Amino acid sequence: MSQVANTETTHEVDSEDLVIDQQVYDLYDQYCHGFISRRDFLKRCSAITIAGVSGLTMAQALFPNYAQAQTISFTDERMKGTYVTYPSPGGNSGEMRGYLATPSTDGPHPAVLVVHENRGLNPYIEDVARRLAVEGFLALAPDALHPVGGYPGNDDDGRALQKELDRSKIMIDMANSAEFVKAHESSTGKLGSVGFCFGGGVVNFLATKMGDGIHAGVPFYGSAPPAENVASIQSPLMIQAAEKDDRINAQWPDFEAALKANNVDYVRHLYPETGHGFHNNSTKRYNEEAADLAWERTVTFFKQHLA
């Protein structure tokens, strides 16, 4: 079996100081979205050397470290996290499971659906749900992989499992999840949704699907909905976008035209010098300044529209 190797002379770089070349970021984006395999990603990166630093070193630094990324502990006294199951008629299995983070303060609380990337409910997304709970929101992070056993503990297998599921039924599962948390006994009945990558596309889908049944949406670098469906959007949107995200940004002109044509209440923030996934603090794609600003804006937006 051939080995992924780099025969050029390189030197060790501390992970904190490591500068990752844009070529490696671009390859990682292809890998994350299933266009190339993990093996191909590493092999192509191994052919890159920048200023004596191997592209393979850069590539390995991009893989997530969820333990270091946790910002709110599972045992934080400001919230309580539990796993819940609930019916999902018409979905991939008729049942869904998610991580429900409830504020420790007296309810009811406005509800927010937190939608993961294209690899299932990983620890980063659970942490996002806890971040919302300590801000006073009832947050549900559903796992699209529940019908096939749930998030498997690593992103590669999670990505493969999600790709095997019927995407249209995943959307039904997410809509059912939104209805479940909205109607929860601890909910005020006000509903928002935030999602990342695949999850950002789900937020846009829910805005078109639920009409006035959803009250605010914040898609992070998510795919735009079909232009003909934008007329159904009745909730305000805060669109979080990365400057170096050609695939998603190419959809923006048509999406913006449809939003304007249908008088949708929206704002778009484009964060300079950021790439797809900049909010995810488990990888080197993370941009702390942009992520903090985007999150502050997100929380303020939800507090404004879900009060």
Protein backbone atom coordinates (compact mmCIF):
# COMPACT_ATOMS: atom_id res chain seq x y z
CA MET A 1 0.00 0.00 0.00
CA SER A 2 1.38 3.41 -0.93
CA GLN A 3 2.19 5.87 1.83
CA VAL A 4 1.25 9.54 2.00
CA ALA A 5 4.64 11.20 2.33
CA ASN A 6 6.58 14.38 1.73
CA THR A 7 10.26 13.98 0.88
CA GLU A 8 11.08 17.68 1.00
CA THR A 9 12.94 19.10 3.98
CA THR A 10 10.57 20.73 6.47
CA HIS A 11 10.78 22.13 9.97
CA GLU A 12 8.51 21.78 12.99
CA VAL A 13 6.17 24.66 13.76
CA ASP A 14 4.26 25.17 17.00
CA SER A 15 0.55 24.69 16.33
CA GLU A 16 -0.23 28.11 17.80
CA ASP A 17 2.11 29.80 15.32
CA LEU A 18 1.26 27.66 12.32
CA VAL A 19 0.11 29.65 9.29
CA ILE A 20 -2.02 27.55 6.97
CA ASP A 21 -1.79 28.24 3.27
CA GLN A 22 -4.99 28.98 1.36
CA GLN A 23 -4.38 25.95 -0.89
CA VAL A 24 -4.71 23.72 2.16
CA TYR A 25 -7.85 25.53 3.33
CA ASP A 26 -9.38 25.03 -0.11
CA LEU A 27 -8.55 21.32 -0.08
CA TYR A 28 -9.98 21.00 3.42
CA ASP A 29 -13.21 22.60 2.23
CA GLN A 30 -13.43 19.99 -0.54
CA TYR A 31 -12.76 17.23 1.98
CA CYS A 32 -15.30 18.56 4.50
CA HIS A 33 -18.01 18.64 1.88
CA GLY A 34 -17.31 15.16 0.56
CA PHE A 35 -15.77 16.12 -2.78
CA ILE A 36 -12.52 14.32 -1.95
CA SER A 37 -11.68 11.61 0.59
CA ARG A 38 -9.59 12.07 3.70
CA ARG A 39 -6.80 10.11 2.01
CA ASP A 40 -6.89 12.32 -1.10
CA PHE A 41 -6.93 15.43 1.09
CA LEU A 42 -3.79 14.35 2.93
CA LYS A 43 -2.10 13.15 -0.24
CA ARG A 44 -2.65 16.43 -2.08
CA CYS A 45 -1.56 18.47 0.93
CA SER A 46 1.60 16.41 1.24
CA ALA A 47 2.69 17.78 -2.16
CA ILE A 48 2.61 21.35 -0.79
CA THR A 49 5.48 22.99 1.08
CA ILE A 50 5.36 26.67 2.05
CA ALA A 51 8.35 28.38 3.68
CA GLY A 52 9.70 25.02 4.75
CA VAL A 53 6.43 23.89 6.34
CA SER A 54 4.78 20.76 4.98
CA GLY A 55 1.22 21.02 3.74
CA LEU A 56 0.63 17.74 5.55
CA THR A 57 1.43 19.46 8.84
CA MET A 58 -1.04 22.18 7.94
CA ALA A 59 -3.67 19.60 6.96
CA GLN A 60 -3.39 17.68 10.22
CA ALA A 61 -3.76 20.92 12.19
CA LEU A 62 -7.17 21.46 10.59
CA PHE A 63 -8.73 18.32 12.03
CA PRO A 64 -11.03 19.14 14.97
CA ASN A 65 -10.03 19.03 18.62
CA TYR A 66 -13.34 19.06 20.43
CA ALA A 67 -11.97 18.80 23.96
CA GLN A 68 -10.04 22.04 23.62
CA ALA A 69 -12.98 23.75 21.94
CA GLN A 70 -15.49 23.36 24.77
CA THR A 71 -16.52 26.76 26.13
CA ILE A 72 -19.46 25.79 28.35
CA SER A 73 -19.08 22.70 30.55
CA PHE A 74 -21.71 19.95 30.57
CA THR A 75 -22.01 20.65 34.30
CA ASP A 76 -22.29 24.43 34.09
CA GLU A 77 -24.79 25.49 36.75
CA ARG A 78 -26.38 28.08 34.47
CA MET A 79 -28.00 25.36 32.35
CA LYS A 80 -28.96 21.71 32.19
CA GLY A 81 -28.28 19.51 29.20
CA THR A 82 -30.23 16.34 28.45
CA TYR A 83 -30.83 14.08 25.46
CA VAL A 84 -34.42 13.80 24.33
CA THR A 85 -36.26 11.68 21.78
CA TYR A 86 -39.44 12.72 20.03
CA PRO A 87 -41.64 11.70 17.09
CA SER A 88 -40.67 12.72 13.57
CA PRO A 89 -43.39 11.53 11.19
CA GLY A 90 -42.28 11.38 7.57
CA GLY A 91 -38.58 11.54 8.46
CA ASN A 92 -35.86 8.96 8.03
CA SER A 93 -37.08 6.71 10.83
CA GLY A 94 -40.15 8.31 12.40
CA GLU A 95 -38.18 9.34 15.48
CA MET A 96 -35.51 11.90 16.30
CA ARG A 97 -33.06 12.50 19.13
CA GLY A 98 -31.40 15.73 20.12
CA TYR A 99 -29.46 17.54 22.81
CA LEU A 100 -31.70 19.90 24.77
CA ALA A 101 -30.01 22.67 26.77
CA THR A 102 -32.33 24.42 29.23
CA PRO A 103 -31.49 27.58 31.20
CA SER A 104 -31.43 27.15 34.98
CA THR A 105 -33.52 30.31 35.36
CA ASP A 106 -37.29 30.07 35.58
CA GLY A 107 -39.03 29.65 32.23
CA PRO A 108 -40.60 29.67 29.85
CA HIS A 109 -37.80 30.59 27.44
CA PRO A 110 -37.66 31.49 23.76
CA ALA A 111 -36.62 28.45 21.75
CA VAL A 112 -33.75 28.09 19.28
CA LEU A 113 -33.05 25.15 17.00
CA VAL A 114 -29.29 24.60 16.52
CA VAL A 115 -28.47 22.73 13.30
CA HIS A 116 -25.19 20.89 12.80
CA GLU A 117 -22.89 20.66 9.80
CA ASN A 118 -22.88 17.72 7.37
CA ARG A 119 -21.56 15.19 9.89
CA GLY A 120 -24.12 14.85 12.66
CA LEU A 121 -24.37 16.20 16.17
CA ASN A 122 -20.74 16.61 17.19
CA PRO A 123 -19.45 18.19 20.45
CA TYR A 124 -18.98 21.62 18.88
CA ILE A 125 -22.69 21.91 18.08
CA GLU A 126 -23.67 20.68 21.54
CA ASP A 127 -21.45 23.42 22.95
CA VAL A 128 -23.25 25.99 20.79
CA ALA A 129 -26.55 24.81 22.31
CA ARG A 130 -25.11 25.32 25.79
CA ARG A 131 -23.89 28.79 24.83
CA LEU A 132 -27.45 29.69 23.91
CA ALA A 133 -28.85 28.20 27.11
CA VAL A 134 -26.65 30.36 29.32
CA GLU A 135 -27.98 33.34 27.35
CA GLY A 136 -31.54 32.40 28.34
CA PHE A 137 -32.71 30.33 25.35
CA LEU A 138 -34.16 26.83 25.28
CA ALA A 139 -31.83 25.27 22.71
CA LEU A 140 -32.36 21.99 20.86
CA ALA A 141 -29.59 20.51 18.71
CA PRO A 142 -31.08 17.58 16.75
CA ASP A 143 -28.96 14.77 15.37
CA ALA A 144 -29.81 13.94 11.76
CA LEU A 145 -27.88 10.69 12.23
CA HIS A 146 -30.19 9.32 14.93
CA PRO A 147 -32.00 7.07 12.40
CA VAL A 148 -28.65 5.33 11.72
CA GLY A 149 -27.42 5.16 15.28
CA GLY A 150 -26.43 8.76 15.96
CA TYR A 151 -23.19 10.70 15.63
CA PRO A 152 -20.52 7.95 15.57
CA GLY A 153 -17.85 9.83 17.51
CA ASN A 154 -15.80 11.07 14.56
CA ASP A 155 -16.55 13.42 11.70
CA ASP A 156 -15.38 11.18 8.84
CA ASP A 157 -17.85 8.40 9.67
CA GLY A 158 -20.49 10.99 10.51
CA ARG A 159 -20.12 12.64 7.13
CA ALA A 160 -20.40 9.29 5.34
CA LEU A 161 -23.51 8.33 7.32
CA GLN A 162 -25.25 11.63 6.67
CA LYS A 163 -24.53 11.36 2.95
CA GLU A 164 -26.33 7.98 2.90
CA LEU A 165 -29.55 9.38 4.37
CA ASP A 166 -32.42 10.72 2.29
CA ARG A 167 -31.78 14.46 2.32
CA SER A 168 -35.43 15.39 1.83
CA LYS A 169 -36.31 13.31 4.88
CA ILE A 170 -33.51 14.96 6.87
CA MET A 171 -35.26 18.25 6.16
CA ILE A 172 -38.52 16.79 7.47
CA ASP A 173 -36.69 15.62 10.58
CA MET A 174 -35.34 19.14 11.10
CA ALA A 175 -38.76 20.73 10.60
CA ASN A 176 -40.24 18.28 13.11
CA SER A 177 -37.43 19.15 15.52
CA ALA A 178 -38.26 22.83 15.17
CA GLU A 179 -41.91 22.16 15.93
CA PHE A 180 -40.96 19.99 18.91
CA VAL A 181 -38.82 22.62 20.65
CA LYS A 182 -41.26 25.39 19.79
CA ALA A 183 -44.09 23.47 21.50
CA HIS A 184 -41.97 22.31 24.43
CA GLU A 185 -43.41 22.99 27.88
CA SER A 186 -40.41 25.22 28.67
CA SER A 187 -40.83 27.28 25.48
CA THR A 188 -42.57 30.63 25.08
CA GLY A 189 -43.64 29.59 21.59
CA LYS A 190 -41.18 31.98 19.97
CA LEU A 191 -38.77 30.11 17.69
CA GLY A 192 -35.41 30.94 16.16
CA SER A 193 -32.90 28.80 14.32
CA VAL A 194 -29.15 28.96 13.83
CA GLY A 195 -27.10 26.57 11.73
CA PHE A 196 -23.66 26.12 10.28
CA CYS A 197 -22.68 25.00 6.77
CA PHE A 198 -25.30 22.31 6.00
CA GLY A 199 -27.15 23.64 9.03
CA GLY A 200 -27.13 27.15 7.56
CA GLY A 201 -28.91 25.76 4.53
CA VAL A 202 -31.43 24.12 6.87
CA VAL A 203 -32.10 27.50 8.52
CA ASN A 204 -32.88 28.96 5.10
CA PHE A 205 -35.08 25.97 4.31
CA LEU A 206 -37.02 26.33 7.57
CA ALA A 207 -37.57 30.03 6.85
CA THR A 208 -39.23 29.10 3.54
CA LYS A 209 -41.06 26.08 4.98
CA MET A 210 -42.47 27.50 8.22
CA GLY A 211 -43.47 31.01 7.16
CA ASP A 212 -44.67 32.93 10.21
CA GLY A 213 -44.18 29.81 12.34
CA ILE A 214 -40.53 30.76 12.80
CA HIS A 215 -39.53 34.16 14.11
CA ALA A 216 -35.79 34.58 13.36
CA GLY A 217 -33.09 32.75 11.44
CA VAL A 218 -29.30 32.99 11.47
CA PRO A 219 -27.61 30.89 8.76
CA PHE A 220 -23.81 30.71 9.00
CA TYR A 221 -22.34 30.20 5.50
CA GLY A 222 -25.36 28.15 4.42
CA SER A 223 -26.63 27.34 0.95
CA ALA A 224 -29.32 29.65 -0.37
CA PRO A 225 -32.85 28.31 -0.88
CA PRO A 226 -34.36 28.17 -4.38
CA ALA A 227 -35.23 31.72 -5.46
CA GLU A 228 -38.86 30.77 -6.07
CA ASN A 229 -39.24 29.73 -2.41
CA VAL A 230 -37.99 33.01 -0.94
CA ALA A 231 -41.46 34.55 -1.24
CA SER A 232 -42.57 32.25 1.62
CA ILE A 233 -40.06 33.75 4.09
CA GLN A 234 -41.75 35.86 6.77
CA SER A 235 -39.09 35.82 9.48
CA PRO A 236 -36.12 38.20 9.67
CA LEU A 237 -32.77 36.71 8.68
CA MET A 238 -29.24 37.51 9.77
CA ILE A 239 -26.91 36.00 7.18
CA GLN A 240 -23.36 35.32 8.40
CA ALA A 241 -20.88 34.98 5.54
CA ALA A 242 -17.15 34.38 5.14
CA GLU A 243 -15.12 36.46 2.70
CA LYS A 244 -13.11 33.49 1.40
CA ASP A 245 -16.03 31.18 0.68
CA ASP A 246 -16.46 31.21 -3.07
CA ARG A 247 -18.90 28.29 -3.24
CA ILE A 248 -21.46 29.90 -0.91
CA ASN A 249 -20.81 33.50 -1.93
CA ALA A 250 -21.49 32.65 -5.57
CA GLN A 251 -25.11 32.05 -4.56
CA TRP A 252 -25.51 35.43 -2.90
CA PRO A 253 -26.43 37.70 -5.86
CA ASP A 254 -29.50 35.61 -6.77
CA PHE A 255 -30.44 35.10 -3.12
CA GLU A 256 -30.16 38.81 -2.40
CA ALA A 257 -32.23 39.70 -5.46
CA ALA A 258 -34.99 37.33 -4.32
CA LEU A 259 -34.90 38.69 -0.75
CA LYS A 260 -35.25 42.25 -2.03
CA ALA A 261 -37.95 41.35 -4.53
CA ASN A 262 -40.03 39.81 -1.76
CA ASN A 263 -39.35 42.51 0.85
CA VAL A 264 -37.77 40.06 3.30
CA ASP A 265 -36.28 41.63 6.42
CA TYR A 266 -32.61 40.64 6.29
CA VAL A 267 -29.10 41.76 7.09
CA ARG A 268 -25.89 40.16 5.81
CA HIS A 269 -22.54 40.38 7.53
CA LEU A 270 -19.42 39.50 5.51
CA TYR A 271 -16.40 38.86 7.73
CA PRO A 272 -13.05 39.88 6.17
CA GLU A 273 -10.20 37.40 5.99
CA THR A 274 -12.39 34.49 7.06
CA GLY A 275 -13.14 31.17 5.42
CA HIS A 276 -16.01 28.71 5.52
CA GLY A 277 -16.32 27.38 9.06
CA PHE A 278 -14.79 30.39 10.81
CA HIS A 279 -17.13 30.05 13.81
CA ASN A 280 -16.08 26.47 14.58
CA ASN A 281 -13.48 26.80 17.32
CA SER A 282 -12.46 23.14 17.15
CA THR A 283 -10.27 23.64 14.06
CA LYS A 284 -7.66 26.05 12.71
CA ARG A 285 -10.30 27.54 10.40
CA TYR A 286 -11.56 29.34 13.49
CA ASN A 287 -11.24 33.11 13.46
CA GLU A 288 -11.71 34.25 17.04
CA GLU A 289 -12.38 37.92 16.34
CA ALA A 290 -14.94 37.24 13.62
CA ALA A 291 -16.54 34.35 15.53
CA ASP A 292 -16.97 36.44 18.68
CA LEU A 293 -18.51 39.33 16.73
CA ALA A 294 -20.81 37.01 14.76
CA TRP A 295 -21.95 35.30 17.94
CA GLU A 296 -22.59 38.60 19.74
CA ARG A 297 -24.69 39.71 16.80
CA THR A 298 -26.54 36.38 16.73
CA VAL A 299 -27.49 36.50 20.40
CA THR A 300 -28.58 40.16 20.14
CA PHE A 301 -30.66 39.32 17.05
CA PHE A 302 -32.44 36.49 18.84
CA LYS A 303 -33.08 38.58 21.93
CA GLN A 304 -34.56 41.29 19.71
CA HIS A 305 -36.87 39.04 17.70
CA LEU A 306 -37.74 36.29 20.19
CA ALA A 307 -38.55 38.45 23.21
